[in-house]
């Protein structure tokens, strides 16, 4: 009985020789190249979820959410929950200002310029955009300047560009 309790020959691996070297090379390639690339890709895909959600929901502040996601990468993911929450919020103030809480982002969701956001930019490629020429815009500016001068005259100010005396009641 004592002889049966003694250990036999022990092997550390099922493979031996060249097969063991080949298996070790495969595991090394996986651990050093494939796994980090897969983890970085998965991290990136999770990190851009808020901007994908905002784009799907036609959020009017998509450019800001994209920027927050990018900043979150620089800050180790600390800002990511804010971007996630922002993507799911209803932009109430935007709706009050523009009358809608959704924005059509077009093809790429490019960052908006202030003029584009205020819908004063002329888009030649968009057939639905209002056609405004420089002369029409100049006429609108002149009309607004005249209107401003009339209002300032009612208030008792002296100059449309500078501060003047304000009539107090």
N, C-alpha and C. Protein backbone atom coordinates (compact mmCIF):
# COMPACT_ATOMS: atom_id res chain seq x y z
N UNK A 1 0.81 -1.18 0.00
CA UNK A 1 0.00 0.00 0.00
C UNK A 1 0.86 1.25 0.00
N UNK A 2 1.94 1.20 0.70
CA UNK A 2 2.81 2.36 0.77
C UNK A 2 3.40 2.70 -0.58
N UNK A 3 3.66 1.70 -1.39
CA UNK A 3 4.21 1.94 -2.73
C UNK A 3 3.18 2.62 -3.64
N UNK A 4 1.93 2.36 -3.47
CA UNK A 4 0.90 3.01 -4.29
C UNK A 4 0.74 4.48 -3.92
N UNK A 5 1.02 4.86 -2.72
CA UNK A 5 0.87 6.24 -2.28
C UNK A 5 2.02 7.13 -2.77
N UNK A 6 3.11 6.55 -3.18
CA UNK A 6 4.22 7.35 -3.67
C UNK A 6 3.87 7.97 -5.02
N UNK A 7 4.26 9.20 -5.23
CA UNK A 7 3.92 9.85 -6.50
C UNK A 7 4.68 9.24 -7.66
N UNK A 8 4.01 9.30 -8.81
CA UNK A 8 4.65 8.82 -10.02
C UNK A 8 5.38 9.98 -10.70
N UNK A 9 5.58 9.88 -11.96
CA UNK A 9 6.26 10.92 -12.72
C UNK A 9 5.27 12.07 -12.95
N UNK A 10 5.72 13.30 -12.65
CA UNK A 10 4.86 14.48 -12.81
C UNK A 10 5.30 15.27 -14.04
N UNK A 11 4.31 15.76 -14.81
CA UNK A 11 4.59 16.60 -15.98
C UNK A 11 3.90 17.94 -15.77
N UNK A 12 4.61 19.02 -16.07
CA UNK A 12 4.08 20.36 -15.88
C UNK A 12 3.19 20.78 -17.05
N UNK A 13 3.31 20.14 -18.19
CA UNK A 13 2.54 20.53 -19.36
C UNK A 13 2.11 19.30 -20.14
N UNK A 14 1.01 19.47 -20.85
CA UNK A 14 0.58 18.39 -21.72
C UNK A 14 1.45 18.31 -22.97
N UNK A 15 2.08 19.45 -23.31
CA UNK A 15 2.90 19.51 -24.51
C UNK A 15 4.37 19.38 -24.14
N UNK A 16 5.17 19.04 -25.12
CA UNK A 16 6.61 18.96 -24.87
C UNK A 16 7.36 19.28 -26.16
N UNK A 17 8.57 19.74 -26.02
CA UNK A 17 9.43 20.00 -27.18
C UNK A 17 8.95 21.19 -28.00
N UNK A 18 8.90 21.00 -29.34
CA UNK A 18 8.51 22.07 -30.26
C UNK A 18 7.05 22.49 -30.11
N UNK A 19 6.20 21.56 -29.74
CA UNK A 19 4.78 21.89 -29.55
C UNK A 19 4.63 22.87 -28.39
N UNK A 20 5.41 22.69 -27.34
CA UNK A 20 5.37 23.60 -26.21
C UNK A 20 5.86 24.98 -26.61
N UNK A 21 6.92 25.06 -27.40
CA UNK A 21 7.42 26.35 -27.88
C UNK A 21 6.40 27.05 -28.77
N UNK A 22 5.73 26.32 -29.65
CA UNK A 22 4.71 26.90 -30.53
C UNK A 22 3.54 27.43 -29.71
N UNK A 23 3.08 26.67 -28.73
CA UNK A 23 1.98 27.12 -27.87
C UNK A 23 2.38 28.36 -27.08
N UNK A 24 3.60 28.41 -26.60
CA UNK A 24 4.08 29.57 -25.85
C UNK A 24 4.14 30.80 -26.76
N UNK A 25 4.54 30.64 -28.01
CA UNK A 25 4.58 31.76 -28.96
C UNK A 25 3.17 32.29 -29.24
N UNK A 26 2.22 31.39 -29.39
CA UNK A 26 0.83 31.80 -29.66
C UNK A 26 0.27 32.57 -28.47
N UNK A 27 0.49 32.08 -27.27
CA UNK A 27 0.01 32.75 -26.07
C UNK A 27 0.69 34.12 -25.92
N UNK A 28 1.98 34.21 -26.25
CA UNK A 28 2.69 35.48 -26.16
C UNK A 28 2.12 36.50 -27.14
N UNK A 29 1.85 36.07 -28.38
CA UNK A 29 1.25 36.98 -29.38
C UNK A 29 -0.13 37.46 -28.93
N UNK A 30 -0.91 36.55 -28.39
CA UNK A 30 -2.23 36.93 -27.90
C UNK A 30 -2.12 37.94 -26.76
N UNK A 31 -1.24 37.66 -25.80
CA UNK A 31 -1.13 38.50 -24.62
C UNK A 31 -0.52 39.87 -24.92
N UNK A 32 0.40 39.93 -25.87
CA UNK A 32 1.11 41.18 -26.12
C UNK A 32 0.49 42.04 -27.22
N UNK A 33 -0.18 41.44 -28.18
CA UNK A 33 -0.69 42.20 -29.33
C UNK A 33 -2.22 42.18 -29.40
N UNK A 34 -2.81 41.04 -29.48
CA UNK A 34 -4.24 40.91 -29.76
C UNK A 34 -5.09 41.42 -28.60
N UNK A 35 -4.81 40.99 -27.38
CA UNK A 35 -5.63 41.36 -26.23
C UNK A 35 -5.60 42.87 -25.97
N UNK A 36 -4.44 43.54 -25.98
CA UNK A 36 -4.47 45.00 -25.78
C UNK A 36 -5.26 45.74 -26.86
N UNK A 37 -5.12 45.32 -28.10
CA UNK A 37 -5.87 45.96 -29.18
C UNK A 37 -7.38 45.75 -28.97
N UNK A 38 -7.77 44.56 -28.60
CA UNK A 38 -9.18 44.28 -28.35
C UNK A 38 -9.70 45.07 -27.15
N UNK A 39 -8.91 45.19 -26.09
CA UNK A 39 -9.33 45.95 -24.92
C UNK A 39 -9.43 47.44 -25.22
N UNK A 40 -8.48 47.98 -25.97
CA UNK A 40 -8.54 49.39 -26.34
C UNK A 40 -9.76 49.66 -27.21
N UNK A 41 -10.04 48.76 -28.15
CA UNK A 41 -11.21 48.91 -29.02
C UNK A 41 -12.50 48.86 -28.19
N UNK A 42 -12.59 47.93 -27.27
CA UNK A 42 -13.78 47.82 -26.43
C UNK A 42 -13.93 49.07 -25.55
N UNK A 43 -12.82 49.56 -25.00
CA UNK A 43 -12.85 50.77 -24.18
C UNK A 43 -13.33 51.95 -25.01
N UNK A 44 -12.82 52.07 -26.23
CA UNK A 44 -13.22 53.17 -27.12
C UNK A 44 -14.70 53.08 -27.47
N UNK A 45 -15.18 51.89 -27.77
CA UNK A 45 -16.59 51.72 -28.15
C UNK A 45 -17.52 52.08 -26.98
N UNK A 46 -17.14 51.72 -25.78
CA UNK A 46 -17.95 52.08 -24.61
C UNK A 46 -17.85 53.59 -24.38
N UNK A 47 -16.69 54.17 -24.63
CA UNK A 47 -16.48 55.59 -24.37
C UNK A 47 -17.27 56.49 -25.32
N UNK A 48 -17.55 56.03 -26.53
CA UNK A 48 -18.29 56.87 -27.47
C UNK A 48 -19.79 56.59 -27.44
N UNK A 49 -20.23 55.74 -26.53
CA UNK A 49 -21.67 55.47 -26.41
C UNK A 49 -22.51 56.73 -26.18
N UNK A 50 -22.10 57.66 -25.30
CA UNK A 50 -22.93 58.85 -25.12
C UNK A 50 -23.13 59.65 -26.40
N UNK A 51 -22.08 59.79 -27.22
CA UNK A 51 -22.28 60.55 -28.45
C UNK A 51 -23.13 59.79 -29.46
N UNK A 52 -23.06 58.48 -29.47
CA UNK A 52 -23.94 57.70 -30.35
C UNK A 52 -25.40 57.83 -29.89
N UNK A 53 -25.61 57.82 -28.58
CA UNK A 53 -26.96 57.97 -28.04
C UNK A 53 -27.50 59.36 -28.38
N UNK A 54 -26.66 60.38 -28.20
CA UNK A 54 -27.08 61.76 -28.49
C UNK A 54 -27.39 61.93 -29.98
N UNK A 55 -26.61 61.29 -30.83
CA UNK A 55 -26.86 61.38 -32.27
C UNK A 55 -28.17 60.68 -32.63
N UNK A 56 -28.42 59.53 -32.02
CA UNK A 56 -29.66 58.79 -32.29
C UNK A 56 -30.88 59.57 -31.80
N UNK A 57 -30.74 60.25 -30.66
CA UNK A 57 -31.85 61.01 -30.10
C UNK A 57 -31.94 62.42 -30.68
N UNK A 58 -31.05 62.74 -31.62
CA UNK A 58 -31.00 64.04 -32.30
C UNK A 58 -30.86 65.18 -31.29
N UNK A 59 -29.93 64.99 -30.35
CA UNK A 59 -29.68 65.97 -29.31
C UNK A 59 -29.04 67.21 -29.93
N UNK A 60 -29.54 68.41 -29.60
CA UNK A 60 -29.00 69.62 -30.23
C UNK A 60 -27.59 69.98 -29.75
N UNK A 61 -27.13 69.39 -28.67
CA UNK A 61 -25.80 69.70 -28.14
C UNK A 61 -24.83 68.55 -28.39
N UNK A 62 -24.97 67.91 -29.55
CA UNK A 62 -24.14 66.75 -29.89
C UNK A 62 -22.66 67.10 -29.88
N UNK A 63 -22.29 68.24 -30.44
CA UNK A 63 -20.88 68.61 -30.50
C UNK A 63 -20.29 68.74 -29.10
N UNK A 64 -21.03 69.29 -28.17
CA UNK A 64 -20.53 69.44 -26.80
C UNK A 64 -20.40 68.07 -26.12
N UNK A 65 -21.33 67.17 -26.40
CA UNK A 65 -21.26 65.83 -25.82
C UNK A 65 -20.06 65.07 -26.39
N UNK A 66 -19.80 65.23 -27.68
CA UNK A 66 -18.61 64.61 -28.28
C UNK A 66 -17.35 65.15 -27.63
N UNK A 67 -17.30 66.45 -27.42
CA UNK A 67 -16.14 67.07 -26.78
C UNK A 67 -15.95 66.55 -25.36
N UNK A 68 -17.04 66.39 -24.64
CA UNK A 68 -16.95 65.88 -23.27
C UNK A 68 -16.45 64.43 -23.27
N UNK A 69 -16.88 63.64 -24.24
CA UNK A 69 -16.38 62.26 -24.34
C UNK A 69 -14.88 62.26 -24.61
N UNK A 70 -14.42 63.15 -25.48
CA UNK A 70 -12.99 63.23 -25.78
C UNK A 70 -12.20 63.70 -24.56
N UNK A 71 -12.72 64.69 -23.86
CA UNK A 71 -12.07 65.15 -22.63
C UNK A 71 -12.04 64.06 -21.58
N UNK A 72 -13.07 63.24 -21.56
CA UNK A 72 -13.13 62.15 -20.60
C UNK A 72 -11.99 61.16 -20.80
N UNK A 73 -11.61 60.97 -22.06
CA UNK A 73 -10.46 60.10 -22.32
C UNK A 73 -9.20 60.67 -21.69
N UNK A 74 -9.04 61.99 -21.75
CA UNK A 74 -7.86 62.63 -21.17
C UNK A 74 -7.89 62.61 -19.65
N UNK A 75 -9.08 62.60 -19.06
CA UNK A 75 -9.21 62.62 -17.61
C UNK A 75 -9.50 61.24 -17.02
N UNK A 76 -9.17 60.21 -17.75
CA UNK A 76 -9.30 58.85 -17.23
C UNK A 76 -10.71 58.36 -17.07
N UNK A 77 -11.64 58.91 -17.81
CA UNK A 77 -13.01 58.43 -17.78
C UNK A 77 -13.87 59.07 -16.72
N UNK A 78 -13.35 60.07 -16.00
CA UNK A 78 -14.13 60.68 -14.93
C UNK A 78 -15.31 61.49 -15.46
N UNK A 79 -15.21 62.03 -16.66
CA UNK A 79 -16.29 62.85 -17.21
C UNK A 79 -17.30 62.03 -17.99
N UNK A 80 -17.01 60.76 -18.21
CA UNK A 80 -17.88 59.91 -19.02
C UNK A 80 -19.30 59.81 -18.47
N UNK A 81 -19.50 59.64 -17.16
CA UNK A 81 -20.88 59.60 -16.65
C UNK A 81 -21.66 60.88 -16.92
N UNK A 82 -20.97 62.03 -16.89
CA UNK A 82 -21.64 63.29 -17.22
C UNK A 82 -22.09 63.31 -18.67
N UNK A 83 -21.24 62.82 -19.56
CA UNK A 83 -21.61 62.77 -20.98
C UNK A 83 -22.79 61.82 -21.17
N UNK A 84 -22.79 60.72 -20.46
CA UNK A 84 -23.89 59.74 -20.55
C UNK A 84 -25.20 60.38 -20.11
N UNK A 85 -25.17 61.06 -18.96
CA UNK A 85 -26.38 61.72 -18.46
C UNK A 85 -26.84 62.84 -19.40
N UNK A 86 -25.89 63.60 -19.92
CA UNK A 86 -26.21 64.71 -20.81
C UNK A 86 -26.86 64.20 -22.09
N UNK A 87 -26.42 63.06 -22.57
CA UNK A 87 -26.99 62.50 -23.80
C UNK A 87 -28.45 62.12 -23.61
N UNK A 88 -28.84 61.79 -22.39
CA UNK A 88 -30.22 61.39 -22.13
C UNK A 88 -31.11 62.54 -21.64
N UNK A 89 -30.56 63.73 -21.45
CA UNK A 89 -31.38 64.83 -20.94
C UNK A 89 -32.22 65.45 -22.05
N UNK A 90 -33.31 66.09 -21.64
CA UNK A 90 -34.13 66.88 -22.55
C UNK A 90 -33.62 68.31 -22.47
N UNK A 91 -33.16 68.88 -23.58
CA UNK A 91 -32.62 70.24 -23.55
C UNK A 91 -33.73 71.28 -23.47
N UNK A 92 -34.20 71.57 -22.27
CA UNK A 92 -35.34 72.46 -22.06
C UNK A 92 -35.03 73.89 -22.50
N UNK A 93 -33.85 74.40 -22.12
CA UNK A 93 -33.51 75.76 -22.49
C UNK A 93 -33.35 75.90 -24.00
N UNK A 94 -32.82 74.88 -24.65
CA UNK A 94 -32.69 74.91 -26.11
C UNK A 94 -34.08 74.95 -26.74
N UNK A 95 -35.02 74.22 -26.18
CA UNK A 95 -36.38 74.23 -26.71
C UNK A 95 -37.02 75.59 -26.52
N UNK A 96 -36.75 76.23 -25.38
CA UNK A 96 -37.29 77.56 -25.17
C UNK A 96 -36.70 78.56 -26.17
N UNK A 97 -35.42 78.41 -26.50
CA UNK A 97 -34.76 79.36 -27.40
C UNK A 97 -35.10 79.10 -28.86
N UNK A 98 -35.12 77.84 -29.27
CA UNK A 98 -35.26 77.52 -30.69
C UNK A 98 -36.59 76.87 -31.05
N UNK A 99 -37.40 76.53 -30.05
CA UNK A 99 -38.70 75.95 -30.32
C UNK A 99 -38.69 74.45 -30.55
N UNK A 100 -37.56 73.82 -30.41
CA UNK A 100 -37.47 72.36 -30.58
C UNK A 100 -36.39 71.83 -29.66
N UNK A 101 -36.52 70.56 -29.30
CA UNK A 101 -35.48 69.95 -28.49
C UNK A 101 -34.72 68.90 -29.27
N UNK A 102 -34.87 68.93 -30.60
CA UNK A 102 -34.13 68.00 -31.46
C UNK A 102 -33.46 68.77 -32.58
N UNK A 103 -32.37 68.23 -33.09
CA UNK A 103 -31.60 68.88 -34.14
C UNK A 103 -31.25 67.84 -35.19
N UNK A 104 -31.38 68.21 -36.46
CA UNK A 104 -30.97 67.33 -37.53
C UNK A 104 -29.48 67.55 -37.76
N UNK A 105 -28.67 66.53 -37.48
CA UNK A 105 -27.23 66.69 -37.52
C UNK A 105 -26.63 66.42 -38.89
N UNK A 106 -27.42 66.06 -39.85
CA UNK A 106 -26.88 65.82 -41.18
C UNK A 106 -26.07 64.54 -41.22
N UNK A 107 -25.01 64.56 -42.01
CA UNK A 107 -24.23 63.34 -42.25
C UNK A 107 -23.25 63.05 -41.13
N UNK A 108 -22.39 64.01 -40.80
CA UNK A 108 -21.32 63.69 -39.88
C UNK A 108 -21.50 64.23 -38.49
N UNK A 109 -22.49 65.08 -38.24
CA UNK A 109 -22.62 65.68 -36.93
C UNK A 109 -21.46 66.60 -36.62
N UNK A 110 -21.02 67.38 -37.63
CA UNK A 110 -19.88 68.27 -37.45
C UNK A 110 -20.21 69.32 -36.39
N UNK A 111 -19.17 69.86 -35.82
CA UNK A 111 -19.36 70.89 -34.82
C UNK A 111 -20.01 72.10 -35.46
N UNK A 112 -20.92 72.72 -34.73
CA UNK A 112 -21.67 73.84 -35.26
C UNK A 112 -20.93 75.14 -34.98
N UNK A 113 -20.99 76.04 -35.93
CA UNK A 113 -20.48 77.38 -35.71
C UNK A 113 -21.61 78.19 -35.10
N UNK A 114 -21.32 79.31 -34.46
CA UNK A 114 -22.40 80.10 -33.87
C UNK A 114 -23.42 80.55 -34.92
N UNK A 115 -22.95 80.91 -36.12
CA UNK A 115 -23.89 81.33 -37.15
C UNK A 115 -24.76 80.17 -37.61
N UNK A 116 -24.18 78.98 -37.72
CA UNK A 116 -24.95 77.82 -38.14
C UNK A 116 -25.98 77.48 -37.07
N UNK A 117 -25.56 77.58 -35.81
CA UNK A 117 -26.47 77.25 -34.72
C UNK A 117 -27.64 78.22 -34.68
N UNK A 118 -27.39 79.49 -35.04
CA UNK A 118 -28.45 80.49 -35.06
C UNK A 118 -29.22 80.48 -36.37
N UNK A 119 -28.86 79.58 -37.26
CA UNK A 119 -29.53 79.41 -38.54
C UNK A 119 -29.47 80.65 -39.42
N UNK A 120 -28.31 81.34 -39.43
CA UNK A 120 -28.16 82.49 -40.31
C UNK A 120 -27.16 82.22 -41.41
N UNK A 121 -26.50 81.06 -41.36
CA UNK A 121 -25.53 80.71 -42.38
C UNK A 121 -26.25 80.29 -43.65
N UNK A 122 -25.74 80.68 -44.80
CA UNK A 122 -26.35 80.32 -46.07
C UNK A 122 -25.76 78.99 -46.52
N UNK A 123 -26.61 77.99 -46.72
CA UNK A 123 -26.15 76.68 -47.17
C UNK A 123 -26.59 76.49 -48.61
N UNK A 124 -25.64 76.58 -49.54
CA UNK A 124 -25.97 76.48 -50.95
C UNK A 124 -26.37 75.07 -51.34
N UNK A 125 -25.84 74.07 -50.64
CA UNK A 125 -26.14 72.69 -51.01
C UNK A 125 -27.47 72.21 -50.47
N UNK A 126 -28.06 72.93 -49.54
CA UNK A 126 -29.33 72.53 -48.95
C UNK A 126 -30.47 73.24 -49.67
N UNK A 127 -31.28 72.52 -50.44
CA UNK A 127 -32.35 73.19 -51.19
C UNK A 127 -33.45 73.75 -50.29
N UNK A 128 -33.58 73.24 -49.07
CA UNK A 128 -34.62 73.72 -48.17
C UNK A 128 -34.19 74.97 -47.42
N UNK A 129 -32.91 75.31 -47.48
CA UNK A 129 -32.42 76.48 -46.75
C UNK A 129 -32.91 77.75 -47.43
N UNK A 130 -33.23 78.78 -46.64
CA UNK A 130 -33.67 80.04 -47.24
C UNK A 130 -32.52 80.69 -48.01
N UNK A 131 -32.84 81.20 -49.17
CA UNK A 131 -31.83 81.81 -50.02
C UNK A 131 -31.71 83.28 -49.61
N UNK A 132 -30.55 83.65 -49.10
CA UNK A 132 -30.30 85.03 -48.69
C UNK A 132 -29.02 85.49 -49.35
N UNK A 133 -29.09 86.65 -49.95
CA UNK A 133 -27.88 87.21 -50.54
C UNK A 133 -27.29 88.22 -49.57
N UNK A 134 -26.10 88.66 -49.87
CA UNK A 134 -25.44 89.64 -49.03
C UNK A 134 -26.24 90.94 -49.00
N UNK A 135 -26.83 91.30 -50.12
CA UNK A 135 -27.62 92.53 -50.18
C UNK A 135 -28.86 92.43 -49.28
N UNK A 136 -29.53 91.25 -49.29
CA UNK A 136 -30.70 91.06 -48.44
C UNK A 136 -30.31 91.14 -46.96
N UNK A 137 -29.19 90.55 -46.62
CA UNK A 137 -28.73 90.60 -45.23
C UNK A 137 -28.39 92.04 -44.85
N UNK A 138 -27.77 92.78 -45.76
CA UNK A 138 -27.43 94.18 -45.49
C UNK A 138 -28.70 95.00 -45.28
N UNK A 139 -29.74 94.74 -46.07
CA UNK A 139 -31.01 95.45 -45.91
C UNK A 139 -31.63 95.14 -44.54
N UNK A 140 -31.53 93.90 -44.13
CA UNK A 140 -32.07 93.52 -42.82
C UNK A 140 -31.31 94.23 -41.70
N UNK A 141 -30.00 94.34 -41.84
CA UNK A 141 -29.19 95.02 -40.83
C UNK A 141 -29.56 96.50 -40.77
N UNK A 142 -29.72 97.11 -41.94
CA UNK A 142 -30.08 98.53 -41.98
C UNK A 142 -31.46 98.76 -41.36
N UNK A 143 -32.41 97.86 -41.65
CA UNK A 143 -33.75 97.98 -41.07
C UNK A 143 -33.71 97.84 -39.55
N UNK A 144 -32.91 96.92 -39.08
CA UNK A 144 -32.78 96.74 -37.63
C UNK A 144 -32.09 97.94 -36.99
N UNK A 145 -31.11 98.54 -37.70
CA UNK A 145 -30.43 99.73 -37.18
C UNK A 145 -31.41 100.89 -37.07
N UNK A 146 -32.25 101.06 -38.10
CA UNK A 146 -33.26 102.12 -38.05
C UNK A 146 -34.23 101.88 -36.89
N UNK A 147 -34.67 100.66 -36.72
CA UNK A 147 -35.60 100.32 -35.65
C UNK A 147 -34.97 100.57 -34.28
N UNK A 148 -33.69 100.24 -34.15
CA UNK A 148 -32.97 100.47 -32.91
C UNK A 148 -32.88 101.97 -32.62
N UNK A 149 -32.63 102.77 -33.66
CA UNK A 149 -32.55 104.22 -33.49
C UNK A 149 -33.90 104.77 -33.04
N UNK A 150 -34.99 104.25 -33.60
CA UNK A 150 -36.33 104.69 -33.20
C UNK A 150 -36.60 104.36 -31.73
N UNK A 151 -36.23 103.16 -31.33
CA UNK A 151 -36.45 102.75 -29.94
C UNK A 151 -35.62 103.58 -28.98
N UNK A 152 -34.38 103.87 -29.37
CA UNK A 152 -33.52 104.69 -28.51
C UNK A 152 -34.03 106.11 -28.42
N UNK A 153 -34.61 106.60 -29.52
CA UNK A 153 -35.18 107.95 -29.50
C UNK A 153 -36.36 107.99 -28.53
N UNK A 154 -37.14 106.95 -28.49
CA UNK A 154 -38.26 106.90 -27.54
C UNK A 154 -37.77 106.89 -26.10
N UNK A 155 -36.64 106.23 -25.87
CA UNK A 155 -36.10 106.16 -24.52
C UNK A 155 -35.35 107.44 -24.15
N UNK A 156 -35.01 108.24 -25.12
CA UNK A 156 -34.31 109.49 -24.85
C UNK A 156 -32.80 109.36 -24.90
N UNK A 157 -32.28 108.33 -25.53
CA UNK A 157 -30.83 108.21 -25.65
C UNK A 157 -30.36 109.03 -26.81
N UNK A 158 -29.06 109.36 -26.79
CA UNK A 158 -28.53 110.26 -27.80
C UNK A 158 -27.89 109.55 -28.98
N UNK A 159 -27.28 108.39 -28.77
CA UNK A 159 -26.53 107.74 -29.84
C UNK A 159 -26.90 106.27 -29.93
N UNK A 160 -27.04 105.73 -31.18
CA UNK A 160 -27.36 104.31 -31.27
C UNK A 160 -26.21 103.41 -30.88
N UNK A 161 -24.97 103.94 -30.91
CA UNK A 161 -23.83 103.06 -30.60
C UNK A 161 -23.31 103.27 -29.20
N UNK A 162 -23.46 104.44 -28.66
CA UNK A 162 -22.90 104.71 -27.35
C UNK A 162 -23.98 104.89 -26.31
N UNK A 163 -23.62 104.81 -25.04
CA UNK A 163 -24.61 105.02 -23.99
C UNK A 163 -24.96 106.49 -23.89
N UNK A 164 -26.18 106.74 -23.61
CA UNK A 164 -26.65 108.11 -23.48
C UNK A 164 -27.56 108.20 -22.28
N UNK A 165 -28.15 109.36 -22.09
CA UNK A 165 -29.05 109.50 -20.94
C UNK A 165 -30.32 108.67 -21.15
N UNK A 166 -30.70 107.99 -20.13
CA UNK A 166 -31.87 107.13 -20.18
C UNK A 166 -33.00 107.83 -19.43
N UNK A 167 -34.14 107.91 -20.10
CA UNK A 167 -35.29 108.55 -19.46
C UNK A 167 -35.81 107.66 -18.35
N UNK A 168 -35.97 108.24 -17.18
CA UNK A 168 -36.47 107.50 -16.02
C UNK A 168 -37.86 108.01 -15.68
N UNK A 169 -38.72 107.12 -15.34
CA UNK A 169 -40.09 107.50 -15.01
C UNK A 169 -40.33 107.43 -13.55
